[in-house]
């Protein structure tokens, strides 16, 4: 049941970053000159939501969310379920 906690924590962190960035969410891509604001949002998320996480981990969660639309923990859980289903046949 640890995976459910990871999904919740990652979603809470991503939602907090979205709230901080507001309309600039998709302007935070690399090369858009909004990385400083994203870095401040990541540090604030670390402080308020999940102090145990490293800023680099939160950044990886954010990058995965921007690229795939969901958290890495959820994608991993879905992949594990798909793998178990394929091997049980």
N, C-alpha and C. Protein backbone atom coordinates (compact mmCIF):
# COMPACT_ATOMS: atom_id res chain seq x y z
N UNK A 1 0.80 -1.20 0.00
CA UNK A 1 0.00 0.00 0.00
C UNK A 1 0.85 1.27 0.00
N UNK A 2 2.14 1.10 -0.05
CA UNK A 2 3.03 2.24 -0.10
C UNK A 2 2.87 3.00 -1.41
N UNK A 3 2.58 2.28 -2.48
CA UNK A 3 2.44 2.92 -3.79
C UNK A 3 1.31 3.94 -3.77
N UNK A 4 0.21 3.62 -3.09
CA UNK A 4 -0.90 4.58 -3.01
C UNK A 4 -0.45 5.86 -2.33
N UNK A 5 0.36 5.74 -1.31
CA UNK A 5 0.87 6.92 -0.63
C UNK A 5 1.77 7.73 -1.57
N UNK A 6 2.59 7.05 -2.35
CA UNK A 6 3.46 7.75 -3.28
C UNK A 6 2.66 8.50 -4.34
N UNK A 7 1.61 7.87 -4.83
CA UNK A 7 0.77 8.53 -5.82
C UNK A 7 0.14 9.78 -5.21
N UNK A 8 -0.40 9.66 -4.01
CA UNK A 8 -1.03 10.80 -3.35
C UNK A 8 -0.03 11.92 -3.09
N UNK A 9 1.15 11.57 -2.60
CA UNK A 9 2.16 12.58 -2.31
C UNK A 9 2.60 13.28 -3.59
N UNK A 10 2.85 12.52 -4.64
CA UNK A 10 3.27 13.13 -5.90
C UNK A 10 2.18 14.01 -6.49
N UNK A 11 0.92 13.57 -6.42
CA UNK A 11 -0.17 14.40 -6.92
C UNK A 11 -0.31 15.68 -6.11
N UNK A 12 -0.17 15.58 -4.79
CA UNK A 12 -0.25 16.78 -3.95
C UNK A 12 0.86 17.76 -4.30
N UNK A 13 2.06 17.25 -4.54
CA UNK A 13 3.17 18.12 -4.91
C UNK A 13 2.93 18.80 -6.25
N UNK A 14 2.46 18.03 -7.22
CA UNK A 14 2.21 18.59 -8.55
C UNK A 14 1.08 19.61 -8.51
N UNK A 15 0.02 19.31 -7.76
CA UNK A 15 -1.08 20.27 -7.62
C UNK A 15 -0.61 21.57 -6.98
N UNK A 16 0.26 21.46 -5.99
CA UNK A 16 0.79 22.65 -5.33
C UNK A 16 1.61 23.50 -6.30
N UNK A 17 2.43 22.85 -7.10
CA UNK A 17 3.22 23.59 -8.09
C UNK A 17 2.30 24.25 -9.10
N UNK A 18 1.26 23.56 -9.55
CA UNK A 18 0.29 24.15 -10.49
C UNK A 18 -0.39 25.37 -9.88
N UNK A 19 -0.75 25.27 -8.60
CA UNK A 19 -1.38 26.40 -7.93
C UNK A 19 -0.44 27.60 -7.84
N UNK A 20 0.83 27.33 -7.57
CA UNK A 20 1.80 28.42 -7.44
C UNK A 20 2.05 29.07 -8.80
N UNK A 21 2.22 28.25 -9.83
CA UNK A 21 2.54 28.79 -11.15
C UNK A 21 1.32 29.43 -11.82
N UNK A 22 0.15 28.95 -11.51
CA UNK A 22 -1.06 29.51 -12.11
C UNK A 22 -1.09 29.31 -13.61
N UNK A 23 -1.28 30.40 -14.35
CA UNK A 23 -1.40 30.30 -15.80
C UNK A 23 -0.06 30.01 -16.48
N UNK A 24 1.04 30.11 -15.75
CA UNK A 24 2.36 29.88 -16.32
C UNK A 24 2.79 28.41 -16.27
N UNK A 25 1.86 27.50 -16.01
CA UNK A 25 2.22 26.08 -15.87
C UNK A 25 2.95 25.58 -17.10
N UNK A 26 2.40 25.78 -18.27
CA UNK A 26 3.01 25.25 -19.48
C UNK A 26 4.12 26.14 -20.02
N UNK A 27 4.30 27.30 -19.43
CA UNK A 27 5.42 28.14 -19.81
C UNK A 27 6.69 27.75 -19.06
N UNK A 28 6.59 26.76 -18.19
CA UNK A 28 7.75 26.35 -17.39
C UNK A 28 8.61 25.31 -18.10
N UNK A 29 8.35 25.06 -19.38
CA UNK A 29 9.19 24.15 -20.14
C UNK A 29 10.60 24.70 -20.23
N UNK A 30 11.54 23.83 -20.47
CA UNK A 30 12.93 24.26 -20.60
C UNK A 30 13.07 25.22 -21.76
N UNK A 31 13.81 26.28 -21.54
CA UNK A 31 14.05 27.25 -22.58
C UNK A 31 13.03 28.37 -22.63
N UNK A 32 12.08 28.39 -21.71
CA UNK A 32 11.04 29.42 -21.76
C UNK A 32 11.32 30.57 -20.80
N UNK A 33 12.43 30.53 -20.12
CA UNK A 33 12.87 31.56 -19.16
C UNK A 33 11.96 31.67 -17.95
N UNK A 34 11.20 30.63 -17.66
CA UNK A 34 10.34 30.61 -16.48
C UNK A 34 10.86 29.60 -15.45
N UNK A 35 12.07 29.07 -15.66
CA UNK A 35 12.59 28.04 -14.77
C UNK A 35 12.84 28.56 -13.37
N UNK A 36 13.16 29.84 -13.23
CA UNK A 36 13.41 30.40 -11.90
C UNK A 36 12.14 30.35 -11.07
N UNK A 37 11.03 30.67 -11.67
CA UNK A 37 9.74 30.60 -10.98
C UNK A 37 9.38 29.16 -10.65
N UNK A 38 9.68 28.24 -11.55
CA UNK A 38 9.43 26.82 -11.30
C UNK A 38 10.30 26.34 -10.15
N UNK A 39 11.56 26.75 -10.12
CA UNK A 39 12.44 26.33 -9.04
C UNK A 39 11.94 26.85 -7.70
N UNK A 40 11.45 28.08 -7.65
CA UNK A 40 10.89 28.62 -6.42
C UNK A 40 9.64 27.83 -6.00
N UNK A 41 8.83 27.44 -6.96
CA UNK A 41 7.63 26.65 -6.67
C UNK A 41 8.01 25.27 -6.14
N UNK A 42 9.05 24.68 -6.70
CA UNK A 42 9.52 23.37 -6.23
C UNK A 42 10.02 23.47 -4.79
N UNK A 43 10.79 24.50 -4.49
CA UNK A 43 11.30 24.67 -3.14
C UNK A 43 10.18 24.93 -2.14
N UNK A 44 9.19 25.71 -2.54
CA UNK A 44 8.04 25.95 -1.67
C UNK A 44 7.23 24.67 -1.45
N UNK A 45 7.09 23.86 -2.48
CA UNK A 45 6.40 22.58 -2.35
C UNK A 45 7.15 21.66 -1.40
N UNK A 46 8.45 21.62 -1.52
CA UNK A 46 9.26 20.81 -0.61
C UNK A 46 9.04 21.24 0.82
N UNK A 47 9.02 22.52 1.04
CA UNK A 47 8.86 23.05 2.39
C UNK A 47 7.45 22.80 2.95
N UNK A 48 6.43 22.98 2.14
CA UNK A 48 5.05 22.92 2.64
C UNK A 48 4.39 21.56 2.53
N UNK A 49 4.67 20.81 1.48
CA UNK A 49 3.95 19.56 1.22
C UNK A 49 4.74 18.34 1.68
N UNK A 50 5.99 18.24 1.24
CA UNK A 50 6.75 17.01 1.50
C UNK A 50 8.21 17.37 1.80
N UNK A 51 8.49 17.73 3.06
CA UNK A 51 9.86 18.14 3.42
C UNK A 51 10.90 17.04 3.24
N UNK A 52 10.49 15.77 3.21
CA UNK A 52 11.43 14.68 3.08
C UNK A 52 11.97 14.47 1.67
N UNK A 53 11.38 15.12 0.69
CA UNK A 53 11.78 14.93 -0.71
C UNK A 53 12.91 15.89 -1.08
N UNK A 54 13.73 15.43 -1.97
CA UNK A 54 14.77 16.29 -2.54
C UNK A 54 14.15 17.12 -3.66
N UNK A 55 14.60 18.35 -3.84
CA UNK A 55 14.06 19.16 -4.94
C UNK A 55 14.25 18.51 -6.31
N UNK A 56 15.33 17.74 -6.48
CA UNK A 56 15.53 17.06 -7.77
C UNK A 56 14.46 16.00 -8.01
N UNK A 57 14.01 15.33 -6.95
CA UNK A 57 12.95 14.33 -7.10
C UNK A 57 11.64 15.00 -7.48
N UNK A 58 11.33 16.10 -6.82
CA UNK A 58 10.10 16.83 -7.15
C UNK A 58 10.16 17.33 -8.59
N UNK A 59 11.33 17.78 -9.01
CA UNK A 59 11.50 18.25 -10.39
C UNK A 59 11.28 17.10 -11.38
N UNK A 60 11.78 15.91 -11.04
CA UNK A 60 11.56 14.75 -11.92
C UNK A 60 10.08 14.40 -11.99
N UNK A 61 9.36 14.49 -10.86
CA UNK A 61 7.92 14.25 -10.86
C UNK A 61 7.23 15.26 -11.77
N UNK A 62 7.65 16.52 -11.66
CA UNK A 62 7.05 17.58 -12.46
C UNK A 62 7.31 17.35 -13.95
N UNK A 63 8.56 17.03 -14.30
CA UNK A 63 8.89 16.79 -15.70
C UNK A 63 8.09 15.61 -16.26
N UNK A 64 7.93 14.56 -15.47
CA UNK A 64 7.14 13.40 -15.89
C UNK A 64 5.68 13.80 -16.09
N UNK A 65 5.15 14.62 -15.18
CA UNK A 65 3.77 15.09 -15.31
C UNK A 65 3.58 15.91 -16.58
N UNK A 66 4.51 16.80 -16.85
CA UNK A 66 4.40 17.64 -18.05
C UNK A 66 4.47 16.78 -19.32
N UNK A 67 5.34 15.77 -19.30
CA UNK A 67 5.52 14.95 -20.49
C UNK A 67 4.40 13.93 -20.69
N UNK A 68 3.96 13.28 -19.60
CA UNK A 68 3.00 12.17 -19.74
C UNK A 68 1.61 12.45 -19.16
N UNK A 69 1.47 13.49 -18.34
CA UNK A 69 0.16 13.84 -17.82
C UNK A 69 -0.22 13.15 -16.53
N UNK A 70 0.69 12.42 -15.92
CA UNK A 70 0.40 11.76 -14.65
C UNK A 70 1.68 11.60 -13.85
N UNK A 71 1.53 11.11 -12.63
CA UNK A 71 2.69 10.97 -11.76
C UNK A 71 3.49 9.72 -12.11
N UNK A 72 4.80 9.72 -11.82
CA UNK A 72 5.60 8.52 -12.08
C UNK A 72 5.12 7.31 -11.27
N UNK A 73 4.67 7.52 -10.04
CA UNK A 73 4.21 6.40 -9.21
C UNK A 73 2.97 5.75 -9.81
N UNK A 74 2.07 6.54 -10.35
CA UNK A 74 0.87 5.98 -10.98
C UNK A 74 1.24 5.21 -12.25
N UNK A 75 2.14 5.77 -13.03
CA UNK A 75 2.58 5.08 -14.25
C UNK A 75 3.26 3.77 -13.90
N UNK A 76 4.07 3.77 -12.86
CA UNK A 76 4.75 2.54 -12.42
C UNK A 76 3.74 1.50 -11.95
N UNK A 77 2.73 1.94 -11.22
CA UNK A 77 1.70 1.02 -10.74
C UNK A 77 0.94 0.40 -11.91
N UNK A 78 0.60 1.20 -12.89
CA UNK A 78 -0.10 0.71 -14.07
C UNK A 78 0.78 -0.26 -14.85
N UNK A 79 2.06 0.04 -14.96
CA UNK A 79 2.99 -0.84 -15.67
C UNK A 79 3.12 -2.18 -14.96
N UNK A 80 3.18 -2.18 -13.64
CA UNK A 80 3.29 -3.42 -12.88
C UNK A 80 2.04 -4.25 -13.07
N UNK A 81 0.88 -3.63 -13.04
CA UNK A 81 -0.36 -4.37 -13.25
C UNK A 81 -0.42 -4.98 -14.64
N UNK A 82 0.03 -4.22 -15.64
CA UNK A 82 0.03 -4.71 -17.02
C UNK A 82 1.00 -5.88 -17.15
N UNK A 83 2.17 -5.78 -16.51
CA UNK A 83 3.17 -6.85 -16.57
C UNK A 83 2.63 -8.12 -15.90
N UNK A 84 2.00 -7.98 -14.76
CA UNK A 84 1.44 -9.15 -14.07
C UNK A 84 0.34 -9.81 -14.89
N UNK A 85 -0.45 -9.00 -15.57
CA UNK A 85 -1.54 -9.53 -16.40
C UNK A 85 -0.96 -10.29 -17.60
N UNK A 86 0.11 -9.76 -18.20
CA UNK A 86 0.72 -10.40 -19.36
C UNK A 86 1.41 -11.71 -18.99
N UNK A 87 2.01 -11.81 -17.83
CA UNK A 87 2.74 -13.01 -17.45
C UNK A 87 1.84 -14.09 -16.91
N UNK A 88 0.63 -13.75 -16.51
CA UNK A 88 -0.28 -14.75 -15.94
C UNK A 88 -0.97 -15.59 -17.02
N UNK A 89 -0.87 -15.16 -18.27
CA UNK A 89 -1.53 -15.89 -19.38
C UNK A 89 -0.80 -17.17 -19.73
